[in-house]
Protein backbone atom coordinates (compact mmCIF):
# COMPACT_ATOMS: atom_id res chain seq x y z
CA MET A 1 -0.14 0.20 -0.18
CA GLN A 2 1.09 3.71 -0.39
CA LYS A 3 -0.02 5.86 2.11
CA ARG A 4 1.11 9.93 2.74
CA MET A 5 2.78 9.79 5.87
CA ASN A 6 2.17 12.92 8.54
CA GLU A 7 4.68 14.58 10.05
CA GLN A 8 5.05 12.66 13.29
CA GLU A 9 5.41 9.15 11.55
CA LEU A 10 7.89 10.60 9.61
CA LEU A 11 9.92 11.64 12.32
CA LEU A 12 9.30 8.24 14.48
CA SER A 13 10.58 6.61 11.28
CA PHE A 14 13.26 8.42 10.38
CA LYS A 15 16.07 6.78 12.58
CA GLN A 16 14.88 3.67 11.42
CA ALA A 17 14.77 4.70 7.74
CA MET A 18 18.36 5.72 8.26
CA THR A 19 19.81 2.64 9.69
CA GLU A 20 17.74 -0.01 7.48
CA SER A 21 18.42 2.19 4.12
CA HIS A 22 14.85 3.04 3.61
CA ILE A 23 15.99 6.47 2.45
CA PHE A 24 18.05 6.06 -0.31
CA VAL A 25 19.50 7.74 -3.48
CA CYS A 26 18.06 7.50 -7.16
CA TYR A 27 20.40 9.37 -10.04
CA GLN A 28 18.88 11.49 -12.84
CA PRO A 29 21.32 11.61 -15.58
CA LYS A 30 22.67 15.27 -17.03
CA MET A 31 23.02 15.01 -20.76
CA ASN A 32 24.59 16.97 -23.61
CA TYR A 33 21.57 17.22 -26.25
CA ALA A 34 23.71 18.51 -29.11
CA THR A 35 26.24 14.83 -28.86
CA GLY A 36 24.07 12.70 -27.10
CA ARG A 37 26.52 12.20 -24.71
CA MET A 38 26.44 11.90 -20.47
CA ILE A 39 28.15 14.92 -18.61
CA GLY A 40 26.95 13.72 -15.22
CA ALA A 41 24.23 13.18 -12.80
CA GLU A 42 22.28 14.36 -9.81
CA ALA A 43 22.03 12.35 -6.73
CA LEU A 44 18.15 12.69 -5.44
CA MET A 45 16.74 11.72 -2.07
CA ARG A 46 14.06 9.09 -1.76
CA TRP A 47 12.14 7.61 0.90
CA LYS A 48 10.27 4.11 1.06
CA HIS A 49 8.59 3.01 4.01
CA PRO A 50 7.84 -0.90 4.28
CA GLU A 51 4.52 -0.67 5.39
CA PHE A 52 3.58 3.04 3.59
CA GLY A 53 5.29 2.78 0.61
CA LEU A 54 7.30 5.88 -1.46
CA GLN A 55 6.78 9.01 0.18
CA TYR A 56 7.02 12.15 -1.95
CA PRO A 57 10.57 14.55 -1.27
CA SER A 58 7.88 17.35 -1.14
CA ASP A 59 6.46 15.90 1.83
CA PHE A 60 9.20 14.86 3.96
CA ILE A 61 12.13 17.26 3.34
CA PRO A 62 10.09 20.35 4.69
CA VAL A 63 9.29 17.83 8.02
CA LEU A 64 13.44 17.36 8.01
CA GLU A 65 14.51 20.96 7.47
CA LYS A 66 11.52 22.03 10.62
CA ASN A 67 13.13 19.82 12.56
CA GLY A 68 16.84 20.18 12.16
CA LEU A 69 17.40 16.61 10.51
CA LEU A 70 17.96 17.44 7.10
CA PRO A 71 21.93 17.88 7.38
CA GLU A 72 22.26 14.42 8.95
CA ALA A 73 19.89 12.99 5.92
CA ASP A 74 21.90 15.05 3.20
CA LEU A 75 25.39 13.74 4.99
CA ALA A 76 23.78 10.26 4.37
CA VAL A 77 23.19 10.87 0.72
CA LEU A 78 26.65 12.21 0.32
CA GLU A 79 27.92 8.95 1.79
CA MET A 80 25.60 6.94 -0.21
CA VAL A 81 26.96 8.68 -3.71
CA CYS A 82 30.73 8.03 -2.59
CA ARG A 83 30.07 4.33 -1.80
CA PHE A 84 28.80 4.44 -5.49
CA GLN A 85 31.32 6.25 -7.10
CA ARG A 86 34.06 3.77 -5.25
CA LYS A 87 31.99 1.01 -6.47
CA CYS A 88 32.66 2.13 -9.66
CA LEU A 89 35.87 3.00 -9.81
CA ASP A 90 37.03 -0.39 -8.16
CA GLU A 91 34.61 -2.55 -10.92
CA ASN A 92 35.93 -0.21 -13.84
CA ILE A 93 32.38 1.12 -14.31
CA PRO A 94 32.94 4.30 -16.13
CA VAL A 95 32.61 7.16 -13.77
CA VAL A 96 31.03 10.59 -14.83
CA PRO A 97 30.63 13.40 -11.72
CA ILE A 98 27.52 13.56 -9.36
CA SER A 99 26.06 16.44 -7.65
CA PHE A 100 24.62 15.80 -4.07
CA ASN A 101 22.81 18.78 -2.65
CA MET A 102 23.81 21.17 0.29
CA SER A 103 20.86 23.13 1.90
CA ARG A 104 20.94 26.45 3.67
CA TYR A 105 20.49 24.64 6.93
CA ASP A 106 23.31 22.50 5.89
CA ILE A 107 25.28 25.79 5.39
CA LEU A 108 24.22 27.08 8.73
CA GLN A 109 25.71 23.90 10.76
CA HIS A 110 29.69 24.53 12.01
CA ASN A 111 31.92 22.84 9.72
CA TYR A 112 29.71 21.26 7.32
CA VAL A 113 32.20 21.63 4.50
CA GLY A 114 34.76 19.59 7.06
CA ARG A 115 32.53 16.94 7.30
CA ILE A 116 31.53 16.67 3.32
CA GLU A 117 35.73 16.10 3.11
CA GLN A 118 35.74 13.73 5.81
CA ILE A 119 33.21 11.26 4.14
CA ARG A 120 35.03 12.05 0.66
CA GLN A 121 38.28 11.31 2.02
CA LYS A 122 37.03 8.28 3.58
CA TYR A 123 36.29 6.53 0.30
CA GLN A 124 39.02 8.08 -1.49
CA ILE A 125 36.97 9.74 -4.39
CA PRO A 126 38.46 11.81 -6.75
CA VAL A 127 36.72 15.67 -5.87
CA ARG A 128 36.35 15.96 -9.70
CA PHE A 129 33.96 13.33 -9.37
CA LEU A 130 31.50 14.88 -6.53
CA HIS A 131 29.70 18.44 -7.09
CA VAL A 132 27.82 20.29 -4.66
CA GLU A 133 24.45 22.09 -5.57
CA ILE A 134 23.13 24.73 -3.44
CA THR A 135 20.04 26.39 -4.35
CA GLU A 136 19.38 30.10 -5.15
CA SER A 137 17.44 30.43 -2.01
CA SER A 138 20.05 29.50 0.00
CA ALA A 139 21.96 32.72 -0.25
CA ILE A 140 18.90 34.94 0.29
CA GLY A 141 19.62 36.66 4.13
CA GLY A 142 22.96 35.30 4.17
CA ALA A 143 25.01 35.81 1.25
CA GLU A 144 28.32 35.94 3.46
CA LEU A 145 28.24 32.42 4.86
CA VAL A 146 27.50 31.19 1.63
CA ILE A 147 30.30 32.82 0.11
CA ASP A 148 32.13 31.65 2.79
CA VAL A 149 31.47 28.13 2.43
CA LEU A 150 31.95 28.49 -1.50
CA LYS A 151 35.24 29.58 -0.74
CA GLN A 152 36.04 26.56 1.25
CA LEU A 153 34.42 23.94 -1.46
CA HIS A 154 36.63 25.76 -4.03
CA CYS A 155 39.64 25.62 -1.99
CA LEU A 156 39.11 21.59 -1.50
CA GLY A 157 38.65 21.66 -5.38
CA TYR A 158 34.89 20.99 -5.60
CA THR A 159 32.91 21.68 -8.30
CA VAL A 160 29.53 24.43 -7.38
CA GLU A 161 26.44 24.25 -8.93
CA MET A 162 23.88 26.62 -8.19
CA ASP A 163 20.30 24.99 -8.76
CA ASP A 164 17.04 26.23 -9.41
CA PHE A 165 18.68 29.85 -10.84
CA GLY A 166 15.50 32.08 -11.19
CA SER A 167 13.22 30.75 -8.90
CA GLY A 168 14.31 33.20 -6.48
CA TYR A 169 13.35 37.24 -6.47
CA SER A 170 16.95 38.69 -6.23
CA SER A 171 19.05 35.92 -8.96
CA LEU A 172 21.15 38.61 -10.59
CA ASN A 173 22.54 39.74 -7.39
CA ILE A 174 22.93 36.80 -6.12
CA LEU A 175 24.93 35.56 -8.88
CA LYS A 176 27.16 38.85 -9.29
CA ASP A 177 27.99 37.62 -5.37
CA LEU A 178 28.55 34.09 -5.66
CA GLU A 179 30.99 32.40 -7.94
CA VAL A 180 29.43 29.52 -8.53
CA ASP A 181 30.55 26.92 -11.47
CA VAL A 182 27.54 26.15 -12.89
CA ILE A 183 24.41 27.51 -13.18
CA LYS A 184 21.30 25.38 -13.37
CA LEU A 185 18.16 27.04 -15.32
CA ASP A 186 14.50 26.64 -13.38
CA MET A 187 12.70 25.23 -16.62
CA ARG A 188 9.39 26.94 -14.92
CA PHE A 189 10.30 30.01 -17.05
CA LEU A 190 8.77 28.43 -20.07
CA SER A 191 5.66 27.27 -18.25
CA LYS A 192 3.42 29.78 -20.38
CA GLY A 193 5.60 28.59 -23.62
CA LYS A 194 8.99 29.77 -25.09
CA THR A 195 7.40 32.97 -26.96
CA GLY A 196 6.75 34.87 -23.83
CA ARG A 197 8.77 36.65 -21.21
CA GLY A 198 9.97 33.67 -20.16
CA GLY A 199 11.84 32.80 -23.03
CA ALA A 200 13.40 35.86 -23.26
CA ILE A 201 14.74 35.80 -19.88
CA LEU A 202 15.81 32.26 -20.28
CA SER A 203 17.60 33.39 -23.78
CA SER A 204 19.35 36.57 -21.79
CA VAL A 205 20.73 34.31 -19.06
CA VAL A 206 22.32 31.64 -21.11
CA GLN A 207 23.95 34.20 -23.38
CA MET A 208 25.15 36.20 -19.85
CA SER A 209 26.47 32.96 -18.49
CA LYS A 210 29.14 33.04 -21.29
CA TRP A 211 30.53 35.89 -20.16
CA LEU A 212 30.66 34.76 -16.94
CA ASP A 213 32.51 31.70 -18.02
CA THR A 214 29.74 29.90 -16.35
CA PRO A 215 28.14 26.53 -18.23
CA VAL A 216 24.43 26.28 -17.94
CA ILE A 217 22.24 23.43 -17.42
CA ALA A 218 18.33 23.52 -18.17
CA GLU A 219 16.86 21.31 -15.28
CA GLY A 220 13.21 20.10 -15.96
CA VAL A 221 13.33 19.64 -19.75
CA GLU A 222 10.21 17.30 -20.51
CA THR A 223 10.38 17.92 -24.31
CA ILE A 224 11.69 17.68 -27.25
CA GLU A 225 10.01 20.82 -28.01
CA GLN A 226 12.00 22.52 -25.04
CA ALA A 227 15.05 21.19 -25.44
CA ASP A 228 15.67 21.98 -29.31
CA TYR A 229 14.55 25.87 -27.62
CA MET A 230 17.32 25.52 -25.14
CA LYS A 231 19.68 24.17 -27.76
CA SER A 232 19.08 27.09 -30.08
CA ILE A 233 19.86 29.90 -27.28
CA GLY A 234 22.91 28.20 -26.68
CA CYS A 235 22.02 25.53 -24.04
CA SER A 236 22.60 22.07 -24.99
CA TYR A 237 23.08 20.34 -21.14
CA ILE A 238 19.55 19.29 -20.13
CA GLN A 239 18.56 17.33 -17.38
CA GLY A 240 14.88 15.90 -17.14
CA TYR A 241 12.25 13.30 -17.74
CA LEU A 242 13.13 13.85 -21.97
CA PHE A 243 16.62 11.60 -21.12
CA SER A 244 15.63 9.77 -18.14
CA LYS A 245 13.34 10.38 -14.75
CA PRO A 246 15.46 9.43 -11.62
CA ILE A 247 16.53 5.73 -11.58
CA THR A 248 17.93 3.36 -8.95
CA GLU A 249 21.50 2.85 -8.85
CA GLU A 250 21.37 -0.19 -11.01
CA GLU A 251 19.68 1.23 -13.54
CA PHE A 252 22.18 3.97 -13.44
CA ILE A 253 24.78 1.87 -14.06
CA GLN A 254 23.28 0.16 -16.91
CA LYS A 255 22.89 3.87 -18.27
CA LEU A 256 26.89 4.38 -17.60
CA LYS A 257 28.00 1.24 -19.38
CA GLN A 258 25.56 2.29 -22.59
CA VAL A 259 25.76 6.20 -22.91
CA ASP A 260 28.86 7.52 -24.00
CA HIS A 261 30.42 10.50 -21.64
CA GLU A 262 31.84 13.81 -22.10
CA PRO A 263 33.07 16.25 -19.42
CA VAL A 264 31.04 20.18 -19.03
CA GLN A 265 33.09 22.44 -21.03
CA PRO A 266 33.66 25.83 -20.28
CA ALA A 267 31.09 28.39 -21.41
CA ILE A 268 33.45 30.39 -23.14
CA ASN A 269 37.13 29.97 -24.39
CA LEU A 270 39.17 33.18 -24.16
CA ILE A 271 42.13 33.96 -26.39
CA GLU A 272 45.29 34.30 -24.37
CA THR A 273 46.44 37.47 -25.60
CA MET A 274 43.22 39.27 -24.30
CA ASP A 275 40.83 38.45 -21.49
CA ALA A 276 37.13 39.40 -22.93
CA GLY A 277 35.41 38.96 -19.47
CA LYS A 278 37.68 41.92 -18.24
CA PHE A 279 35.48 44.56 -20.46
CA TRP A 280 32.99 43.79 -18.32
CA ASN A 281 34.61 45.04 -14.95
CA PRO A 282 34.11 48.80 -14.62
CA SER A 283 37.43 49.37 -12.80
CA SER A 284 39.27 46.93 -15.24
CA LEU A 285 42.47 48.25 -17.37
CA GLU A 286 40.85 46.84 -20.40
CA THR A 287 37.78 48.84 -19.98
CA LEU A 288 39.87 52.22 -19.37
CA ILE A 289 41.69 51.42 -22.15
CA PHE A 290 38.74 50.89 -24.54
CA ASN A 291 36.79 53.81 -22.54
CA HIS A 292 39.61 56.27 -22.93
CA TYR A 293 42.81 55.39 -24.80
CA VAL A 294 42.03 53.40 -28.27
CA GLY A 295 39.85 55.21 -30.93
CA GLY A 296 36.29 53.93 -32.09
CA ALA A 297 36.27 50.54 -31.14
CA ALA A 298 32.91 48.06 -30.48
CA ILE A 299 32.57 44.50 -28.78
CA PHE A 300 30.12 42.03 -30.63
CA SER A 301 29.13 38.27 -30.96
CA TYR A 302 28.93 36.57 -34.06
CA GLN A 303 26.84 33.23 -34.37
CA LYS A 304 28.66 31.34 -37.31
CA ASP A 305 26.08 28.71 -37.89
CA THR A 306 23.00 31.28 -38.13
CA GLY A 307 25.41 34.28 -39.31
CA ASN A 308 23.76 36.76 -36.27
CA VAL A 309 25.50 39.72 -35.35
CA GLN A 310 24.94 41.28 -32.22
CA VAL A 311 27.08 44.27 -31.03
CA LEU A 312 27.64 44.25 -27.26
CA ARG A 313 29.55 46.90 -26.16
CA VAL A 314 31.08 50.25 -28.19
CA ASN A 315 33.12 53.45 -26.54
CA GLU A 316 32.42 56.80 -27.13
CA LYS A 317 34.59 57.04 -29.83
CA TYR A 318 33.17 54.76 -31.77
CA MET A 319 30.11 57.12 -32.20
CA LYS A 320 32.08 59.62 -32.95
CA GLU A 321 33.38 57.91 -35.92
CA LEU A 322 29.93 57.34 -37.29
CA GLY A 323 29.72 60.94 -37.69
CA MET A 324 25.62 60.90 -37.11
CA ASN A 325 24.57 62.01 -33.89
CA MET A 326 23.60 58.76 -33.05
CA CYS A 327 23.91 57.18 -29.26
CA GLU A 328 24.95 54.03 -27.27
CA LYS A 329 21.44 52.88 -27.67
CA ASP A 330 20.60 53.39 -31.02
CA ILE A 331 23.94 51.43 -31.88
CA LEU A 332 23.01 48.44 -29.31
CA ASN A 333 19.73 48.26 -31.08
CA SER A 334 20.66 47.93 -34.57
CA HIS A 335 21.20 45.25 -36.96
CA PRO A 336 24.53 45.29 -38.56
CA TRP A 337 23.86 43.31 -41.41
CA GLU A 338 20.81 45.56 -42.26
CA GLN A 339 23.27 48.41 -42.76
CA MET A 340 25.20 46.63 -45.28
CA ASP A 341 24.35 45.43 -49.07
CA GLU A 342 24.88 41.70 -50.39
CA GLN A 343 28.18 42.63 -51.33
CA ASN A 344 29.66 44.55 -48.13
CA HIS A 345 27.81 42.11 -45.76
CA LYS A 346 29.71 39.23 -47.63
CA ILE A 347 33.02 41.01 -47.49
CA TYR A 348 32.80 41.81 -43.57
CA GLU A 349 31.60 38.13 -42.66
CA ASN A 350 34.48 36.95 -44.95
CA THR A 351 36.79 39.27 -42.81
CA LEU A 352 35.13 37.51 -39.87
CA LEU A 353 35.55 33.96 -41.13
CA ARG A 354 39.65 34.78 -41.53
CA ALA A 355 40.10 36.11 -38.19
CA ILE A 356 38.34 32.99 -36.69
CA GLN A 357 41.03 30.81 -38.83
CA SER A 358 43.95 32.86 -38.32
CA ASN A 359 43.46 33.91 -34.79
CA ASP A 360 44.88 37.08 -35.87
CA GLU A 361 43.69 40.68 -36.64
CA GLU A 362 42.25 40.99 -39.86
CA SER A 363 41.13 44.64 -42.03
CA CYS A 364 38.37 45.24 -44.52
CA ASP A 365 36.43 48.41 -45.35
CA THR A 366 32.69 48.08 -45.73
CA TRP A 367 30.40 50.77 -47.01
CA ARG A 368 26.90 50.88 -45.11
CA VAL A 369 23.79 52.72 -44.51
CA VAL A 370 23.58 54.33 -41.44
CA CYS A 371 20.13 56.32 -39.81
CA SER A 372 19.66 58.37 -37.09
CA LYS A 373 17.02 60.57 -35.89
CA ILE A 374 18.67 63.28 -35.98
CA CYS A 375 20.84 63.38 -39.31
CA GLY A 376 18.78 61.14 -41.32
CA GLU A 377 20.24 58.76 -43.74
CA ASP A 378 24.12 58.65 -44.94
CA ARG A 379 26.40 55.97 -46.78
CA ILE A 380 29.56 55.95 -44.88
CA CYS A 381 32.68 53.49 -45.27
CA ILE A 382 34.18 52.17 -42.09
CA ARG A 383 37.83 50.27 -42.20
CA ASN A 384 37.04 47.42 -39.45
CA SER A 385 40.13 46.05 -37.59
CA LEU A 386 38.44 42.67 -36.20
CA ARG A 387 40.18 40.17 -33.72
CA MET A 388 38.51 37.31 -32.27
CA ILE A 389 38.82 37.39 -28.36
CA GLY A 390 36.50 34.20 -27.28
CA ARG A 391 34.33 31.70 -28.75
CA ALA A 392 31.44 29.07 -27.17
CA GLY A 393 30.73 26.74 -29.96
CA GLU A 394 29.53 28.55 -32.68
CA GLN A 395 29.54 31.72 -31.03
CA TYR A 396 32.70 33.97 -31.47
CA ILE A 397 33.13 37.04 -29.60
CA PHE A 398 35.18 39.98 -31.34
CA TYR A 399 36.78 43.05 -30.65
CA THR A 400 36.92 45.55 -33.46
CA LEU A 401 38.53 49.42 -33.83
CA VAL A 402 36.78 51.00 -36.57
CA GLN A 403 37.97 54.32 -38.54
CA ASN A 404 35.31 56.23 -40.79
CA ILE A 405 37.20 56.35 -44.19
CA THR A 406 34.18 58.11 -45.74
CA ALA A 407 36.18 61.21 -46.99
CA GLU A 408 39.21 59.65 -48.16
CA LYS A 409 36.96 57.03 -50.25
CA LYS A 410 34.71 59.63 -51.78
CA ARG A 411 37.98 61.36 -52.63
CA PHE A 412 39.66 58.49 -54.34
CA GLU A 413 36.04 57.50 -56.22
CA ALA A 414 36.21 61.07 -57.22
CA ILE A 415 39.29 60.94 -59.17
CA SER A 416 38.66 57.46 -60.51
CA ASP A 417 36.69 58.41 -63.78
CA SER A 418 39.45 57.15 -66.05
CA GLU A 419 41.78 54.54 -65.88
CA ARG A 420 44.66 57.43 -65.76
CA LYS A 421 42.77 58.90 -62.69
CA PHE A 422 42.58 55.85 -61.13
CA ARG A 423 46.48 54.61 -61.48
CA PHE A 424 47.34 58.03 -60.33
CA ALA A 425 45.08 57.72 -57.03
CA ALA A 426 46.12 54.57 -55.91
CA GLU A 427 49.50 55.77 -56.32
CA GLN A 428 49.34 59.25 -54.91
CA ALA A 429 45.47 59.72 -52.78
CA ASN A 430 46.86 59.32 -49.17
CA ILE A 431 45.27 60.47 -46.18
CA TYR A 432 47.75 60.91 -42.96
CA ALA A 433 46.38 61.55 -39.78
CA TRP A 434 47.75 62.09 -36.16
CA GLU A 435 46.38 62.97 -32.79
CA TYR A 436 47.66 65.98 -30.59
CA THR A 437 47.47 65.99 -26.83
CA VAL A 438 47.20 69.80 -25.84
CA ALA A 439 48.58 69.50 -22.37
CA THR A 440 51.45 67.24 -22.93
CA LYS A 441 52.24 68.33 -26.40
CA GLN A 442 52.49 64.84 -27.44
CA MET A 443 51.66 63.87 -31.11
CA ARG A 444 50.63 59.95 -32.16
CA PRO A 445 50.97 59.65 -35.95
CA CYS A 446 49.15 57.08 -37.97
CA TYR A 447 50.30 54.12 -39.27
CA ARG A 448 51.20 55.85 -42.92
CA CYS A 449 53.16 58.35 -41.22
CA MET A 450 55.26 56.03 -39.42
CA ARG A 451 55.51 54.00 -42.61
CA ASP A 452 56.41 57.13 -45.38
CA LEU A 453 57.61 59.13 -42.86
CA GLY A 454 59.82 56.87 -40.75
CA LEU A 455 58.09 58.53 -37.17
CA PRO A 456 57.97 56.79 -33.95
CA PRO A 457 54.71 55.90 -32.23
CA LEU A 458 55.05 58.89 -29.84
CA LEU A 459 56.44 62.42 -30.63
CA GLU A 460 57.13 64.82 -27.70
CA ASN A 461 57.14 68.49 -27.60
CA TYR A 462 55.02 68.66 -30.99
CA PRO A 463 55.57 70.49 -33.96
CA GLU A 464 59.33 71.03 -32.93
CA PRO A 465 60.18 67.35 -34.19
CA ALA A 466 58.01 67.91 -37.52
CA ILE A 467 60.02 71.04 -38.10
CA GLU A 468 63.84 69.81 -37.17
CA LEU A 469 62.89 66.73 -39.81
CA GLY A 470 61.71 68.82 -42.44
CA ILE A 471 58.22 67.37 -42.59
CA ILE A 472 57.07 71.29 -42.35
CA PRO A 473 59.34 73.26 -44.37
CA PRO A 474 61.45 76.03 -42.17
CA ASP A 475 59.29 78.96 -44.35
CA TYR A 476 56.12 77.33 -42.75
CA ALA A 477 57.73 76.30 -39.20
CA GLU A 478 56.41 80.08 -37.43
CA MET A 479 52.92 79.45 -38.66
CA TYR A 480 52.88 75.99 -37.78
CA ARG A 481 54.20 76.82 -34.20
CA ASP A 482 51.04 79.41 -34.37
CA TRP A 483 48.79 77.17 -34.95
CA HIS A 484 49.40 74.84 -32.03
CA ARG A 485 49.23 78.24 -29.91
CA GLN A 486 45.77 78.80 -31.40
CA ILE A 487 44.87 75.62 -30.15
CA ALA A 488 45.93 76.11 -26.91
CA GLU A 489 44.11 78.91 -26.84
CA GLY A 490 40.62 77.43 -27.56
CA VAL A 491 40.51 78.03 -31.58
CA GLU A 492 38.01 75.13 -33.24
CA THR A 493 39.47 74.33 -36.12
CA LEU A 494 42.45 75.34 -38.46
CA GLU A 495 43.08 74.42 -42.16
CA ALA A 496 45.43 75.59 -44.81
CA ILE A 497 47.61 74.11 -47.69
CA ILE A 498 50.73 73.50 -46.65
CA PRO A 499 53.81 71.95 -48.93
CA LEU A 500 55.37 69.19 -46.68
CA THR A 501 58.23 67.32 -46.86
CA VAL A 502 61.76 68.52 -48.84
CA GLY A 503 59.77 67.73 -51.72
CA ARG A 504 57.42 70.51 -51.17
CA VAL A 505 54.28 68.51 -51.93
CA PRO A 506 51.05 70.43 -51.27
CA PHE A 507 48.73 68.85 -48.66
CA HIS A 508 45.41 70.13 -47.13
CA VAL A 509 46.04 70.32 -43.55
CA ARG A 510 43.59 70.76 -41.47
CA TYR A 511 42.80 70.77 -37.34
CA THR A 512 39.91 69.78 -35.47
CA THR A 513 39.79 70.81 -31.30
CA GLU A 514 38.12 68.08 -28.94
CA PHE A 515 37.23 69.83 -25.79
CA ASP A 516 36.44 68.82 -22.29
CA GLU A 517 32.83 70.08 -20.70
CA ASN A 518 34.74 73.16 -19.46
CA HIS A 519 35.40 73.88 -22.79
CA LYS A 520 39.15 73.43 -22.38
CA PRO A 521 41.26 71.88 -24.94
CA LEU A 522 42.17 68.52 -24.69
CA LYS A 523 43.04 67.03 -27.97
CA ALA A 524 43.49 68.46 -31.81
CA TYR A 525 42.70 65.84 -34.44
CA ALA A 526 44.70 66.15 -37.81
CA SER A 527 44.62 64.96 -41.10
CA ALA A 528 46.66 65.83 -44.17
CA THR A 529 45.20 65.10 -47.77
CA MET A 530 47.38 65.51 -50.91
CA VAL A 531 46.07 68.11 -53.14
CA VAL A 532 45.86 67.34 -57.01
CA ASP A 533 44.04 69.65 -59.58
CA ASP A 534 41.58 68.31 -62.23
CA ASP A 535 44.06 67.46 -64.67
CA ASN A 536 45.96 65.29 -61.61
CA GLN A 537 48.99 67.92 -61.45
CA ILE A 538 50.18 68.73 -58.12
CA PRO A 539 49.44 72.61 -57.97
CA GLU A 540 52.77 74.97 -57.26
CA THR A 541 52.24 76.63 -53.92
CA GLU A 542 52.95 80.21 -52.66
CA ASN A 543 54.95 81.05 -49.69
């Protein structure tokens, strides 16, 4: 017979249940839906009374919690798991990591982690074969204690999984504070269908977990539709009745022998030369450089199998390079492929694929149509320097530096009406650019300046080095010095045709000053464009 036992009957039966194995363990496999391989299992406590039959965990666990008996029961479960793992190791049965639960009542116990370790050492189980599951609710109201327990577990080498993520009220805040190794998502998010808000939240959590370098397991998966959806948003690890209900030790051994196994892989593999995760730390050096010292830059994700691109982060100079008075929100909500025609889309995506293959920086120039509420629509050309900084399956994370070269490209196109003009433009039409810091008088030249003029990456006490090297002719030296004095005094723009180098080649030189919030000049951005007349002749200049 099966009868639901009341609280008094459960308490009176508990000691006997512990000594006579009425409380036992069932195992529910965790699977990789993409490969069909097993990645581990969860140990689940069960209670079968000899007279009243199987008792539901939802009935007896609250009674054990209320009466302070759950820690003893949880340690008994751990001992059963270790005994099982020892049997598998001794009998050459395939071994996978098995997770056991640690409740908030366990965490409150003195030296509970020490007792866990004593049991593991008793059976000499490698720590990699035991995972600890804590529930999200365990941290509510006692985060500092949980953080300390997690540190102890990590020092001993345990992998910690957060169970039932999303079932509480402070999920994101808890995830920020607790350094868990695996997130187990509560599939109740999909109780109203994947098209509702729950599906959107699941997708966001999966994407966020990749940046936390944290694998995600979807728990409670019961249908192929749910599994397919989770796989489509980047979560292939699942646990639930679709693959297996909780099964006995004997049944689990058969599955271990029949199903291939694989380890859980990190959510994202970061390229060694750049720690992409630090771009999300507001105080990191990477963020400081990203925001203030580099040119226009962005971080975006590229899904290779679908071709989807999503902009994740941009700096202020990126928005200035676009030159359309677009705000960060406009850019993050934009769809990059919609801005490009088929040809430019292909050029850009092929560059992404080259960067994946080479694991190095790759560049391309692409035209795009950009729309803004303020400036309307414009067609601009962007030079993109792309580098892959991380990957997660078919998703790749890229860092890109951008430069708006529309003026250069339009000039190039304007003098390319004939084959003769095209050849001349290819040889002659260059734009040189540099950045001048007003307070320090430091000049940073572009790559072409360094390549063609032999300049170092940084020139001190500018403009004197340009005058000494003969880039600025002696008869223009005082005028050029006066320009920099005017910039320091706050002039916004300066431009003139100046013959440069000993060959006195005329260039249209232009300076634009950048100011701080007090209208104090910070930097000046300069360019020099070669002057060519309608007959493709370099005009004579006057002193």
